[in-house]
Amino acid sequence: MRDTELLIPASSLEVLKAAVLYGADAVYIGGEMYGLRAKAKNFSREDMAEGIAYAHDHGVKVYVTANIVAHNLDVKGIRTYFEELKELKPDALIISDPGVFTLAKEVCPEIDIHISTQANSTNYMTYRFWHDQGASRVVAARELSIHELKEIRRNIPDDMEIEAFVHGAMCISHSGRCLLSNYFTGRNANMGACTHPCRWKYYVVEESRPGEYLPVEENERGTYIFNSRDLCMIEHIPDLLDAGIDSLKIEGRMKTALYVAAVTRTYRQAIDDYRKSPELYESRMDYYISEIAKCTYRKFTTGFFYGRPDETAQIYDASTYIKEYTYIGIIQDIDQDGYHKIYQRNKFSVGEEIEVMVPDGSNRILPVLELLDENRTPVESAPHPKQEIWIRFPERLKPGWLLRRKE
């Protein structure tokens, strides 16, 4: 069994620190340009430097995305960007474009290169090609099955690593190469500006009857014919490890710290439990599933891992997430009187019960005994997003722990 890592997305410095605290082996982040999540908050150069230093201090690797399909006007800027990254020393660059790959090899040859899922690598000959070019890892196309991944593992050099998405949103197009967004809105998904039209509601229009919208499904709401369920492989950790996958990747560079912490902690426990004892892993399955369900999600599927998905992998009646918990905030500091400082994300009040996520996997449900605002004035509730609030709980907690509330 290979030494499989848990790879977690981070949209900001705050989320990166949450991923590290809750069990990531590695995180992947994007700068302000040249990644495929242009709408994410992303990292400034200063935040990237701090994030890489923080992760490395905790024994966690950092990979930086530069996986756009580049045009001529991007080349000069990408070269400058790689020169900056060379100084920051991330552990790897995630790249899909052969031209961008060539630039990375020229500018920062000491940084590993991982081939993005956008490169659509679906066979072992492609993996061998990238290995010969100097890539250390390929991110598998999402269309591969467990059987195909095993076959790839058997037919590539031992030092070539396989990374695979195991949790998160799925795209309708082949490994994310989608033209719908560009067609409808002029915003290019392959340049990081996807508007997610696969989540929109669609009808059929007959050519000679303009303006008459016919639902694809006989339903007053139309149909979300492109809207995939979210991938979730928490129940199949043994198969993933047995397939020889080196990195289990969570999707979500647009997600909150709460989502990242919850998914990271759950997969971390599942992987570690299975390594200790397959029986322990099986006995805790209900716990893993219940914790994953506390994140926002669109119902789950196993994607292509066990064959081609059928009609049950789509959601036809809605595009909204299932949301059972509200994000309250992260404990930033604790004063000598035991008040816990947060920048609150959603409204809560004195007397409510808050669930504290402890990195070891346990949860503590505690009442809010008292609230103080930024002036240390008592208040009954915290209604303003990102408001500085000091909370008194019946016990002392620790900085970095996340707070959530059941809906």
Foldseek 3Di string as FASTA:
>chain_A
DAQAFEEFEALFLLLLLLLLLQAGQEYEFEDCFQAQANVGNGDHLVRLLVSQVVQVVSNHAYEYENAFQDDPVCLVVLLVVLLSVLVSDGQEYEYAYVSSVVSNCVRRVVHAYEYALVNADQALVVLQVVVVVRHQEYEHWLQDALVRLLVSCVRHDVRRAYEYEAWWFDFLDGSQCDCPQCVPPVQHSSRNRRPPCLLDAAFDDDPVHPPDTHAPDPDPRRWSQSAFWIGHCLVPVVSCVVSRHRYHYYDDSRDDSVLRSLLSNLSSVLNVQVVVPVVSNVVCVVVSVVSNLQHWTRDYDNDNHPHHDDPVRGGIRHSGTDHFKAWFFFFADADPVQWTKGQTAAKDFAQAWKWKQDSNGDIDTWGFHWKAFPVRHTDGMDHDGRTIMITHTPDHDDGGITIMHTD
